[in-house]
Amino acid sequence: MSDRNATTSSGGFRRVLDAETTADARLAAGHEEAAAIRQRARAEARAIAARADRRLQALHADMQEDIGRAKARMVQAFEAARRDLSAPPDEARVQVAAKHLARRLAGIDSS
């Protein structure tokens, strides 16, 4: 009987060792899978960040273009106003403005 117990005990020990080996292999595979998932997640996060950066750069470039166009319009408006102010006044417009002012001062025109 002692041979049988030794064999059974030895077989049980072998099963325990096999189970531990299997568990170690599964654990190692789980670690590898987790590392691969982390690596893919980091790569995806970098790709998202790169897309966001490109979009921000494009938005900034568009804003700079808009600012440039607005500055050009302001310069044109300033130059036009400066030309108008340096030109001799239009006598007809001066007469109309004077009549309008006189009517307002006299209380005839309330506009």
PDB file of N, CA and C in Angstrom:
ATOM      1  N   MET A   1       0.811  -1.187   0.000  1.00  0.00           N
ATOM      2  CA  MET A   1       0.000   0.000   0.000  1.00  0.00           C
ATOM      3  C   MET A   1       0.853   1.250   0.000  1.00  0.00           C
ATOM      4  N   SER A   2       1.998   1.157   0.593  1.00  0.00           N
ATOM      5  CA  SER A   2       2.814   2.349   0.663  1.00  0.00           C
ATOM      6  C   SER A   2       3.285   2.780  -0.717  1.00  0.00           C
ATOM      7  N   ASP A   3       3.484   1.821  -1.649  1.00  0.00           N
ATOM      8  CA  ASP A   3       3.836   2.201  -3.019  1.00  0.00           C
ATOM      9  C   ASP A   3       2.711   2.978  -3.668  1.00  0.00           C
ATOM     10  N   ARG A   4       1.515   2.502  -3.438  1.00  0.00           N
ATOM     11  CA  ARG A   4       0.350   3.175  -4.027  1.00  0.00           C
ATOM     12  C   ARG A   4       0.210   4.586  -3.471  1.00  0.00           C
ATOM     13  N   ASN A   5       0.383   4.757  -2.168  1.00  0.00           N
ATOM     14  CA  ASN A   5       0.304   6.091  -1.563  1.00  0.00           C
ATOM     15  C   ASN A   5       1.405   6.992  -2.104  1.00  0.00           C
ATOM     16  N   ALA A   6       2.572   6.434  -2.292  1.00  0.00           N
ATOM     17  CA  ALA A   6       3.683   7.224  -2.824  1.00  0.00           C
ATOM     18  C   ALA A   6       3.378   7.652  -4.249  1.00  0.00           C
ATOM     19  N   THR A   7       2.809   6.744  -5.036  1.00  0.00           N
ATOM     20  CA  THR A   7       2.467   7.064  -6.421  1.00  0.00           C
ATOM     21  C   THR A   7       1.361   8.097  -6.462  1.00  0.00           C
ATOM     22  N   THR A   8       0.344   7.903  -5.646  1.00  0.00           N
ATOM     23  CA  THR A   8      -0.763   8.850  -5.602  1.00  0.00           C
ATOM     24  C   THR A   8      -0.274  10.193  -5.110  1.00  0.00           C
ATOM     25  N   SER A   9       0.549  10.158  -4.092  1.00  0.00           N
ATOM     26  CA  SER A   9       1.087  11.391  -3.547  1.00  0.00           C
ATOM     27  C   SER A   9       1.981  12.059  -4.578  1.00  0.00           C
ATOM     28  N   SER A  10       2.776  11.275  -5.276  1.00  0.00           N
ATOM     29  CA  SER A  10       3.648  11.814  -6.312  1.00  0.00           C
ATOM     30  C   SER A  10       2.821  12.376  -7.459  1.00  0.00           C
ATOM     31  N   GLY A  11       1.752  11.671  -7.826  1.00  0.00           N
ATOM     32  CA  GLY A  11       0.863  12.156  -8.900  1.00  0.00           C
ATOM     33  C   GLY A  11       0.167  13.434  -8.495  1.00  0.00           C
ATOM     34  N   GLY A  12      -0.238  13.516  -7.239  1.00  0.00           N
ATOM     35  CA  GLY A  12      -0.877  14.739  -6.745  1.00  0.00           C
ATOM     36  C   GLY A  12       0.098  15.900  -6.760  1.00  0.00           C
ATOM     37  N   PHE A  13       1.340  15.615  -6.384  1.00  0.00           N
ATOM     38  CA  PHE A  13       2.357  16.656  -6.395  1.00  0.00           C
ATOM     39  C   PHE A  13       2.611  17.133  -7.819  1.00  0.00           C
ATOM     40  N   ARG A  14       2.629  16.180  -8.755  1.00  0.00           N
ATOM     41  CA  ARG A  14       2.844  16.507 -10.161  1.00  0.00           C
ATOM     42  C   ARG A  14       1.699  17.391 -10.658  1.00  0.00           C
ATOM     43  N   ARG A  15       0.472  17.062 -10.274  1.00  0.00           N
ATOM     44  CA  ARG A  15      -0.686  17.870 -10.695  1.00  0.00           C
ATOM     45  C   ARG A  15      -0.583  19.287 -10.136  1.00  0.00           C
ATOM     46  N   VAL A  16      -0.150  19.396  -8.899  1.00  0.00           N
ATOM     47  CA  VAL A  16       0.022  20.716  -8.289  1.00  0.00           C
ATOM     48  C   VAL A  16       1.089  21.495  -9.042  1.00  0.00           C
ATOM     49  N   LEU A  17       2.207  20.843  -9.355  1.00  0.00           N
ATOM     50  CA  LEU A  17       3.269  21.516 -10.115  1.00  0.00           C
ATOM     51  C   LEU A  17       2.776  21.930 -11.498  1.00  0.00           C
ATOM     52  N   ASP A  18       2.037  21.023 -12.145  1.00  0.00           N
ATOM     53  CA  ASP A  18       1.484  21.351 -13.468  1.00  0.00           C
ATOM     54  C   ASP A  18       0.515  22.526 -13.374  1.00  0.00           C
ATOM     55  N   ALA A  19      -0.311  22.538 -12.339  1.00  0.00           N
ATOM     56  CA  ALA A  19      -1.269  23.636 -12.156  1.00  0.00           C
ATOM     57  C   ALA A  19      -0.529  24.948 -11.910  1.00  0.00           C
ATOM     58  N   GLU A  20       0.543  24.892 -11.115  1.00  0.00           N
ATOM     59  CA  GLU A  20       1.334  26.103 -10.868  1.00  0.00           C
ATOM     60  C   GLU A  20       1.997  26.588 -12.155  1.00  0.00           C
ATOM     61  N   THR A  21       2.509  25.658 -12.940  1.00  0.00           N
ATOM     62  CA  THR A  21       3.140  26.023 -14.215  1.00  0.00           C
ATOM     63  C   THR A  21       2.114  26.652 -15.149  1.00  0.00           C
ATOM     64  N   THR A  22       0.928  26.050 -15.197  1.00  0.00           N
ATOM     65  CA  THR A  22      -0.148  26.601 -16.033  1.00  0.00           C
ATOM     66  C   THR A  22      -0.553  27.984 -15.539  1.00  0.00           C
ATOM     67  N   ALA A  23      -0.671  28.136 -14.235  1.00  0.00           N
ATOM     68  CA  ALA A  23      -1.044  29.435 -13.660  1.00  0.00           C
ATOM     69  C   ALA A  23       0.032  30.479 -13.958  1.00  0.00           C
ATOM     70  N   ASP A  24       1.297  30.087 -13.839  1.00  0.00           N
ATOM     71  CA  ASP A  24       2.391  31.015 -14.154  1.00  0.00           C
ATOM     72  C   ASP A  24       2.349  31.428 -15.621  1.00  0.00           C
ATOM     73  N   ALA A  25       2.074  30.465 -16.494  1.00  0.00           N
ATOM     74  CA  ALA A  25       1.994  30.765 -17.928  1.00  0.00           C
ATOM     75  C   ALA A  25       0.824  31.705 -18.212  1.00  0.00           C
ATOM     76  N   ARG A  26      -0.319  31.435 -17.574  1.00  0.00           N
ATOM     77  CA  ARG A  26      -1.485  32.320 -17.762  1.00  0.00           C
ATOM     78  C   ARG A  26      -1.195  33.725 -17.237  1.00  0.00           C
ATOM     79  N   LEU A  27      -0.538  33.795 -16.103  1.00  0.00           N
ATOM     80  CA  LEU A  27      -0.189  35.088 -15.516  1.00  0.00           C
ATOM     81  C   LEU A  27       0.761  35.855 -16.442  1.00  0.00           C
ATOM     82  N   ALA A  28       1.753  35.152 -16.974  1.00  0.00           N
ATOM     83  CA  ALA A  28       2.696  35.795 -17.897  1.00  0.00           C
ATOM     84  C   ALA A  28       1.964  36.271 -19.152  1.00  0.00           C
ATOM     85  N   ALA A  29       1.053  35.445 -19.663  1.00  0.00           N
ATOM     86  CA  ALA A  29       0.278  35.838 -20.844  1.00  0.00           C
ATOM     87  C   ALA A  29      -0.599  37.044 -20.531  1.00  0.00           C
ATOM     88  N   GLY A  30      -1.168  37.068 -19.336  1.00  0.00           N
ATOM     89  CA  GLY A  30      -1.984  38.216 -18.922  1.00  0.00           C
ATOM     90  C   GLY A  30      -1.159  39.487 -18.838  1.00  0.00           C
ATOM     91  N   HIS A  31       0.058  39.365 -18.305  1.00  0.00           N
ATOM     92  CA  HIS A  31       0.948  40.526 -18.229  1.00  0.00           C
ATOM     93  C   HIS A  31       1.314  41.025 -19.629  1.00  0.00           C
ATOM     94  N   GLU A  32       1.596  40.087 -20.531  1.00  0.00           N
ATOM     95  CA  GLU A  32       1.927  40.466 -21.909  1.00  0.00           C
ATOM     96  C   GLU A  32       0.743  41.154 -22.580  1.00  0.00           C
ATOM     97  N   GLU A  33      -0.446  40.603 -22.379  1.00  0.00           N
ATOM     98  CA  GLU A  33      -1.642  41.203 -22.972  1.00  0.00           C
ATOM     99  C   GLU A  33      -1.887  42.597 -22.394  1.00  0.00           C
ATOM    100  N   ALA A  34      -1.711  42.741 -21.092  1.00  0.00           N
ATOM    101  CA  ALA A  34      -1.894  44.053 -20.454  1.00  0.00           C
ATOM    102  C   ALA A  34      -0.874  45.056 -20.996  1.00  0.00           C
ATOM    103  N   ALA A  35       0.365  44.610 -21.184  1.00  0.00           N
ATOM    104  CA  ALA A  35       1.399  45.499 -21.731  1.00  0.00           C
ATOM    105  C   ALA A  35       1.043  45.907 -23.158  1.00  0.00           C
ATOM    106  N   ALA A  36       0.537  44.966 -23.942  1.00  0.00           N
ATOM    107  CA  ALA A  36       0.141  45.283 -25.318  1.00  0.00           C
ATOM    108  C   ALA A  36      -1.028  46.267 -25.333  1.00  0.00           C
ATOM    109  N   ILE A  37      -1.976  46.081 -24.424  1.00  0.00           N
ATOM    110  CA  ILE A  37      -3.124  46.997 -24.337  1.00  0.00           C
ATOM    111  C   ILE A  37      -2.646  48.388 -23.944  1.00  0.00           C
ATOM    112  N   ARG A  38      -1.747  48.463 -22.965  1.00  0.00           N
ATOM    113  CA  ARG A  38      -1.193  49.772 -22.561  1.00  0.00           C
ATOM    114  C   ARG A  38      -0.478  50.442 -23.723  1.00  0.00           C
ATOM    115  N   GLN A  39       0.286  49.663 -24.457  1.00  0.00           N
ATOM    116  CA  GLN A  39       1.034  50.214 -25.590  1.00  0.00           C
ATOM    117  C   GLN A  39       0.073  50.746 -26.659  1.00  0.00           C
ATOM    118  N   ARG A  40      -0.982  49.987 -26.961  1.00  0.00           N
ATOM    119  CA  ARG A  40      -1.970  50.452 -27.954  1.00  0.00           C
ATOM    120  C   ARG A  40      -2.692  51.694 -27.456  1.00  0.00           C
ATOM    121  N   ALA A  41      -3.030  51.720 -26.169  1.00  0.00           N
ATOM    122  CA  ALA A  41      -3.721  52.886 -25.608  1.00  0.00           C
ATOM    123  C   ALA A  41      -2.831  54.123 -25.672  1.00  0.00           C
ATOM    124  N   ARG A  42      -1.566  53.960 -25.366  1.00  0.00           N
ATOM    125  CA  ARG A  42      -0.633  55.099 -25.447  1.00  0.00           C
ATOM    126  C   ARG A  42      -0.491  55.582 -26.884  1.00  0.00           C
ATOM    127  N   ALA A  43      -0.400  54.640 -27.815  1.00  0.00           N
ATOM    128  CA  ALA A  43      -0.283  55.020 -29.228  1.00  0.00           C
ATOM    129  C   ALA A  43      -1.533  55.765 -29.684  1.00  0.00           C
ATOM    130  N   GLU A  44      -2.698  55.290 -29.259  1.00  0.00           N
ATOM    131  CA  GLU A  44      -3.947  55.966 -29.622  1.00  0.00           C
ATOM    132  C   GLU A  44      -4.012  57.356 -28.997  1.00  0.00           C
ATOM    133  N   ALA A  45      -3.584  57.468 -27.755  1.00  0.00           N
ATOM    134  CA  ALA A  45      -3.576  58.779 -27.089  1.00  0.00           C
ATOM    135  C   ALA A  45      -2.624  59.738 -27.802  1.00  0.00           C
ATOM    136  N   ARG A  46      -1.459  59.233 -28.225  1.00  0.00           N
ATOM    137  CA  ARG A  46      -0.524  60.087 -28.970  1.00  0.00           C
ATOM    138  C   ARG A  46      -1.137  60.524 -30.294  1.00  0.00           C
ATOM    139  N   ALA A  47      -1.846  59.622 -30.967  1.00  0.00           N
ATOM    140  CA  ALA A  47      -2.480  59.968 -32.242  1.00  0.00           C
ATOM    141  C   ALA A  47      -3.564  61.023 -32.036  1.00  0.00           C
ATOM    142  N   ILE A  48      -4.352  60.870 -30.980  1.00  0.00           N
ATOM    143  CA  ILE A  48      -5.402  61.856 -30.681  1.00  0.00           C
ATOM    144  C   ILE A  48      -4.768  63.206 -30.372  1.00  0.00           C
ATOM    145  N   ALA A  49      -3.708  63.200 -29.589  1.00  0.00           N
ATOM    146  CA  ALA A  49      -3.025  64.452 -29.246  1.00  0.00           C
ATOM    147  C   ALA A  49      -2.428  65.100 -30.492  1.00  0.00           C
ATOM    148  N   ALA A  50      -1.879  64.295 -31.380  1.00  0.00           N
ATOM    149  CA  ALA A  50      -1.301  64.842 -32.615  1.00  0.00           C
ATOM    150  C   ALA A  50      -2.387  65.470 -33.483  1.00  0.00           C
ATOM    151  N   ARG A  51      -3.553  64.803 -33.585  1.00  0.00           N
ATOM    152  CA  ARG A  51      -4.665  65.378 -34.370  1.00  0.00           C
ATOM    153  C   ARG A  51      -5.133  66.681 -33.748  1.00  0.00           C
ATOM    154  N   ALA A  52      -5.266  66.698 -32.439  1.00  0.00           N
ATOM    155  CA  ALA A  52      -5.701  67.922 -31.753  1.00  0.00           C
ATOM    156  C   ALA A  52      -4.683  69.038 -31.964  1.00  0.00           C
ATOM    157  N   ASP A  53      -3.403  68.701 -31.917  1.00  0.00           N
ATOM    158  CA  ASP A  53      -2.362  69.711 -32.128  1.00  0.00           C
ATOM    159  C   ASP A  53      -2.442  70.270 -33.547  1.00  0.00           C
ATOM    160  N   ARG A  54      -2.634  69.390 -34.528  1.00  0.00           N
ATOM    161  CA  ARG A  54      -2.754  69.873 -35.918  1.00  0.00           C
ATOM    162  C   ARG A  54      -3.971  70.770 -36.071  1.00  0.00           C
ATOM    163  N   ARG A  55      -5.075  70.397 -35.444  1.00  0.00           N
ATOM    164  CA  ARG A  55      -6.286  71.230 -35.533  1.00  0.00           C
ATOM    165  C   ARG A  55      -6.063  72.592 -34.880  1.00  0.00           C
ATOM    166  N   LEU A  56      -5.404  72.594 -33.728  1.00  0.00           N
ATOM    167  CA  LEU A  56      -5.115  73.866 -33.057  1.00  0.00           C
ATOM    168  C   LEU A  56      -4.183  74.734 -33.892  1.00  0.00           C
ATOM    169  N   GLN A  57      -3.197  74.121 -34.513  1.00  0.00           N
ATOM    170  CA  GLN A  57      -2.287  74.887 -35.362  1.00  0.00           C
ATOM    171  C   GLN A  57      -3.029  75.474 -36.558  1.00  0.00           C
ATOM    172  N   ALA A  58      -3.933  74.691 -37.152  1.00  0.00           N
ATOM    173  CA  ALA A  58      -4.715  75.192 -38.283  1.00  0.00           C
ATOM    174  C   ALA A  58      -5.634  76.324 -37.834  1.00  0.00           C
ATOM    175  N   LEU A  59      -6.256  76.171 -36.674  1.00  0.00           N
ATOM    176  CA  LEU A  59      -7.121  77.221 -36.144  1.00  0.00           C
ATOM    177  C   LEU A  59      -6.314  78.490 -35.884  1.00  0.00           C
ATOM    178  N   HIS A  60      -5.143  78.334 -35.312  1.00  0.00           N
ATOM    179  CA  HIS A  60      -4.286  79.493 -35.039  1.00  0.00           C
ATOM    180  C   HIS A  60      -3.891  80.182 -36.346  1.00  0.00           C
ATOM    181  N   ALA A  61      -3.550  79.397 -37.354  1.00  0.00           N
ATOM    182  CA  ALA A  61      -3.184  79.983 -38.649  1.00  0.00           C
ATOM    183  C   ALA A  61      -4.367  80.739 -39.245  1.00  0.00           C
ATOM    184  N   ASP A  62      -5.573  80.160 -39.153  1.00  0.00           N
ATOM    185  CA  ASP A  62      -6.773  80.846 -39.652  1.00  0.00           C
ATOM    186  C   ASP A  62      -7.007  82.144 -38.896  1.00  0.00           C
ATOM    187  N   MET A  63      -6.824  82.101 -37.584  1.00  0.00           N
ATOM    188  CA  MET A  63      -7.016  83.314 -36.785  1.00  0.00           C
ATOM    189  C   MET A  63      -6.003  84.382 -37.179  1.00  0.00           C
ATOM    190  N   GLN A  64      -4.766  83.975 -37.416  1.00  0.00           N
ATOM    191  CA  GLN A  64      -3.743  84.932 -37.825  1.00  0.00           C
ATOM    192  C   GLN A  64      -4.093  85.550 -39.178  1.00  0.00           C
ATOM    193  N   GLU A  65      -4.619  84.736 -40.096  1.00  0.00           N
ATOM    194  CA  GLU A  65      -5.046  85.260 -41.396  1.00  0.00           C
ATOM    195  C   GLU A  65      -6.191  86.248 -41.221  1.00  0.00           C
ATOM    196  N   ASP A  66      -7.163  85.896 -40.379  1.00  0.00           N
ATOM    197  CA  ASP A  66      -8.291  86.805 -40.126  1.00  0.00           C
ATOM    198  C   ASP A  66      -7.807  88.116 -39.515  1.00  0.00           C
ATOM    199  N   ILE A  67      -6.873  88.028 -38.588  1.00  0.00           N
ATOM    200  CA  ILE A  67      -6.325  89.241 -37.970  1.00  0.00           C
ATOM    201  C   ILE A  67      -5.614  90.081 -39.021  1.00  0.00           C
ATOM    202  N   GLY A  68      -4.867  89.435 -39.894  1.00  0.00           N
ATOM    203  CA  GLY A  68      -4.178  90.153 -40.965  1.00  0.00           C
ATOM    204  C   GLY A  68      -5.155  90.863 -41.889  1.00  0.00           C
ATOM    205  N   ARG A  69      -6.242  90.163 -42.244  1.00  0.00           N
ATOM    206  CA  ARG A  69      -7.256  90.790 -43.116  1.00  0.00           C
ATOM    207  C   ARG A  69      -7.937  91.954 -42.403  1.00  0.00           C
ATOM    208  N   ALA A  70      -8.246  91.782 -41.121  1.00  0.00           N
ATOM    209  CA  ALA A  70      -8.890  92.862 -40.360  1.00  0.00           C
ATOM    210  C   ALA A  70      -7.966  94.073 -40.260  1.00  0.00           C
ATOM    211  N   LYS A  71      -6.676  93.829 -40.031  1.00  0.00           N
ATOM    212  CA  LYS A  71      -5.720  94.939 -39.974  1.00  0.00           C
ATOM    213  C   LYS A  71      -5.663  95.662 -41.313  1.00  0.00           C
ATOM    214  N   ALA A  72      -5.648  94.903 -42.397  1.00  0.00           N
ATOM    215  CA  ALA A  72      -5.598  95.519 -43.727  1.00  0.00           C
ATOM    216  C   ALA A  72      -6.842  96.372 -43.964  1.00  0.00           C
ATOM    217  N   ARG A  73      -8.018  95.861 -43.547  1.00  0.00           N
ATOM    218  CA  ARG A  73      -9.257  96.649 -43.705  1.00  0.00           C
ATOM    219  C   ARG A  73      -9.197  97.925 -42.871  1.00  0.00           C
ATOM    220  N   MET A  74      -8.669  97.827 -41.653  1.00  0.00           N
ATOM    221  CA  MET A  74      -8.571  99.011 -40.797  1.00  0.00           C
ATOM    222  C   MET A  74      -7.611 100.037 -41.397  1.00  0.00           C
ATOM    223  N   VAL A  75      -6.506  99.566 -41.952  1.00  0.00           N
ATOM    224  CA  VAL A  75      -5.553 100.484 -42.584  1.00  0.00           C
ATOM    225  C   VAL A  75      -6.208 101.164 -43.775  1.00  0.00           C
ATOM    226  N   GLN A  76      -6.943 100.400 -44.581  1.00  0.00           N
ATOM    227  CA  GLN A  76      -7.632 100.991 -45.737  1.00  0.00           C
ATOM    228  C   GLN A  76      -8.661 102.019 -45.285  1.00  0.00           C
ATOM    229  N   ALA A  77      -9.424 101.695 -44.248  1.00  0.00           N
ATOM    230  CA  ALA A  77     -10.439 102.630 -43.751  1.00  0.00           C
ATOM    231  C   ALA A  77      -9.771 103.889 -43.202  1.00  0.00           C
ATOM    232  N   PHE A  78      -8.665 103.714 -42.495  1.00  0.00           N
ATOM    233  CA  PHE A  78      -7.946 104.870 -41.957  1.00  0.00           C
ATOM    234  C   PHE A  78      -7.421 105.749 -43.090  1.00  0.00           C
ATOM    235  N   GLU A  79      -6.830 105.125 -44.088  1.00  0.00           N
ATOM    236  CA  GLU A  79      -6.296 105.896 -45.220  1.00  0.00           C
ATOM    237  C   GLU A  79      -7.415 106.608 -45.967  1.00  0.00           C
ATOM    238  N   ALA A  80      -8.560 105.950 -46.131  1.00  0.00           N
ATOM    239  CA  ALA A  80      -9.693 106.585 -46.812  1.00  0.00           C
ATOM    240  C   ALA A  80     -10.195 107.776 -46.000  1.00  0.00           C
ATOM    241  N   ALA A  81     -10.290 107.602 -44.679  1.00  0.00           N
ATOM    242  CA  ALA A  81     -10.746 108.708 -43.830  1.00  0.00           C
ATOM    243  C   ALA A  81      -9.740 109.851 -43.865  1.00  0.00           C
ATOM    244  N   ARG A  82      -8.475 109.520 -43.878  1.00  0.00           N
ATOM    245  CA  ARG A  82      -7.441 110.553 -43.928  1.00  0.00           C
ATOM    246  C   ARG A  82      -7.501 111.319 -45.249  1.00  0.00           C
ATOM    247  N   ARG A  83      -7.735 110.597 -46.343  1.00  0.00           N
ATOM    248  CA  ARG A  83      -7.876 111.270 -47.645  1.00  0.00           C
ATOM    249  C   ARG A  83      -9.093 112.182 -47.642  1.00  0.00           C
ATOM    250  N   ASP A  84     -10.208 111.685 -47.052  1.00  0.00           N
ATOM    251  CA  ASP A  84     -11.428 112.502 -47.002  1.00  0.00           C
ATOM    252  C   ASP A  84     -11.205 113.760 -46.176  1.00  0.00           C
ATOM    253  N   LEU A  85     -10.474 113.638 -45.081  1.00  0.00           N
ATOM    254  CA  LEU A  85     -10.236 114.799 -44.222  1.00  0.00           C
ATOM    255  C   LEU A  85      -9.264 115.792 -44.856  1.00  0.00           C
ATOM    256  N   SER A  86      -8.354 115.304 -45.660  1.00  0.00           N
ATOM    257  CA  SER A  86      -7.382 116.207 -46.272  1.00  0.00           C
ATOM    258  C   SER A  86      -7.934 116.872 -47.528  1.00  0.00           C
ATOM    259  N   ALA A  87      -9.024 116.346 -48.063  1.00  0.00           N
ATOM    260  CA  ALA A  87      -9.629 116.946 -49.261  1.00  0.00           C
ATOM    261  C   ALA A  87     -10.433 118.175 -48.848  1.00  0.00           C
ATOM    262  N   PRO A  88     -10.555 119.131 -49.758  1.00  0.00           N
ATOM    263  CA  PRO A  88     -11.385 120.295 -49.426  1.00  0.00           C
ATOM    264  C   PRO A  88     -12.834 119.861 -49.217  1.00  0.00           C
ATOM    265  N   PRO A  89     -13.543 120.504 -48.301  1.00  0.00           N
ATOM    266  CA  PRO A  89     -14.920 120.087 -48.010  1.00  0.00           C
ATOM    267  C   PRO A  89     -15.836 120.315 -49.213  1.00  0.00           C
ATOM    268  N   ASP A  90     -16.811 119.436 -49.325  1.00  0.00           N
ATOM    269  CA  ASP A  90     -17.819 119.557 -50.384  1.00  0.00           C
ATOM    270  C   ASP A  90     -18.798 120.637 -49.948  1.00  0.00           C
ATOM    271  N   GLU A  91     -18.883 121.714 -50.723  1.00  0.00           N
ATOM    272  CA  GLU A  91     -19.693 122.875 -50.346  1.00  0.00           C
ATOM    273  C   GLU A  91     -21.167 122.509 -50.199  1.00  0.00           C
ATOM    274  N   ALA A  92     -21.675 121.642 -51.032  1.00  0.00           N
ATOM    275  CA  ALA A  92     -23.092 121.264 -50.954  1.00  0.00           C
ATOM    276  C   ALA A  92     -23.374 120.538 -49.636  1.00  0.00           C
ATOM    277  N   ARG A  93     -22.484 119.659 -49.228  1.00  0.00           N
ATOM    278  CA  ARG A  93     -22.686 118.935 -47.969  1.00  0.00           C
ATOM    279  C   ARG A  93     -22.597 119.887 -46.785  1.00  0.00           C
ATOM    280  N   VAL A  94     -21.693 120.861 -46.873  1.00  0.00           N
ATOM    281  CA  VAL A  94     -21.561 121.841 -45.798  1.00  0.00           C
ATOM    282  C   VAL A  94     -22.846 122.653 -45.679  1.00  0.00           C
ATOM    283  N   GLN A  95     -23.433 123.053 -46.805  1.00  0.00           N
ATOM    284  CA  GLN A  95     -24.671 123.840 -46.796  1.00  0.00           C
ATOM    285  C   GLN A  95     -25.817 123.036 -46.185  1.00  0.00           C
ATOM    286  N   VAL A  96     -25.932 121.768 -46.567  1.00  0.00           N
ATOM    287  CA  VAL A  96     -27.001 120.911 -46.028  1.00  0.00           C
ATOM    288  C   VAL A  96     -26.819 120.745 -44.525  1.00  0.00           C
ATOM    289  N   ALA A  97     -25.591 120.501 -44.076  1.00  0.00           N
ATOM    290  CA  ALA A  97     -25.331 120.328 -42.648  1.00  0.00           C
ATOM    291  C   ALA A  97     -25.619 121.611 -41.884  1.00  0.00           C
ATOM    292  N   ALA A  98     -25.273 122.767 -42.457  1.00  0.00           N
ATOM    293  CA  ALA A  98     -25.524 124.057 -41.794  1.00  0.00           C
ATOM    294  C   ALA A  98     -27.017 124.305 -41.663  1.00  0.00           C
ATOM    295  N   LYS A  99     -27.793 124.027 -42.719  1.00  0.00           N
ATOM    296  CA  LYS A  99     -29.247 124.219 -42.665  1.00  0.00           C
ATOM    297  C   LYS A  99     -29.858 123.293 -41.615  1.00  0.00           C
ATOM    298  N   HIS A 100     -29.392 122.062 -41.585  1.00  0.00           N
ATOM    299  CA  HIS A 100     -29.923 121.089 -40.625  1.00  0.00           C
ATOM    300  C   HIS A 100     -29.623 121.552 -39.195  1.00  0.00           C
ATOM    301  N   LEU A 101     -28.410 122.030 -38.962  1.00  0.00           N
ATOM    302  CA  LEU A 101     -28.031 122.518 -37.642  1.00  0.00           C
ATOM    303  C   LEU A 101     -28.862 123.740 -37.253  1.00  0.00           C
ATOM    304  N   ALA A 102     -29.065 124.637 -38.191  1.00  0.00           N
ATOM    305  CA  ALA A 102     -29.863 125.838 -37.908  1.00  0.00           C
ATOM    306  C   ALA A 102     -31.288 125.454 -37.549  1.00  0.00           C
ATOM    307  N   ARG A 103     -31.866 124.517 -38.244  1.00  0.00           N
ATOM    308  CA  ARG A 103     -33.235 124.086 -37.960  1.00  0.00           C
ATOM    309  C   ARG A 103     -33.315 123.443 -36.572  1.00  0.00           C
ATOM    310  N   ARG A 104     -32.306 122.658 -36.225  1.00  0.00           N
ATOM    311  CA  ARG A 104     -32.307 122.023 -34.898  1.00  0.00           C
ATOM    312  C   ARG A 104     -32.164 123.070 -33.803  1.00  0.00           C
ATOM    313  N   LEU A 105     -31.274 124.031 -34.029  1.00  0.00           N
ATOM    314  CA  LEU A 105     -31.086 125.075 -33.024  1.00  0.00           C
ATOM    315  C   LEU A 105     -32.335 125.938 -32.867  1.00  0.00           C
ATOM    316  N   ALA A 106     -33.067 126.115 -33.952  1.00  0.00           N
ATOM    317  CA  ALA A 106     -34.288 126.922 -33.905  1.00  0.00           C
ATOM    318  C   ALA A 106     -35.454 126.118 -33.346  1.00  0.00           C
ATOM    319  N   GLY A 107     -35.284 124.803 -33.190  1.00  0.00           N
ATOM    320  CA  GLY A 107     -36.356 123.972 -32.655  1.00  0.00           C
ATOM    321  C   GLY A 107     -37.340 123.516 -33.706  1.00  0.00           C
ATOM    322  N   ILE A 108     -37.043 123.766 -34.964  1.00  0.00           N
ATOM    323  CA  ILE A 108     -37.943 123.357 -36.041  1.00  0.00           C
ATOM    324  C   ILE A 108     -37.775 121.873 -36.342  1.00  0.00           C
ATOM    325  N   ASP A 109     -36.556 121.396 -36.290  1.00  0.00           N
ATOM    326  CA  ASP A 109     -36.258 119.997 -36.639  1.00  0.00           C
ATOM    327  C   ASP A 109     -35.785 119.281 -35.378  1.00  0.00           C
ATOM    328  N   SER A 110     -36.467 118.216 -34.999  1.00  0.00           N
ATOM    329  CA  SER A 110     -36.085 117.491 -33.778  1.00  0.00           C
ATOM    330  C   SER A 110     -35.342 116.192 -34.088  1.00  0.00           C
ATOM    331  N   SER A 111     -35.038 115.937 -35.332  1.00  0.00           N
ATOM    332  CA  SER A 111     -34.371 114.681 -35.683  1.00  0.00           C
ATOM    333  C   SER A 111     -32.903 114.706 -35.415  1.00  0.00           C
TER     334      SER A 111
END
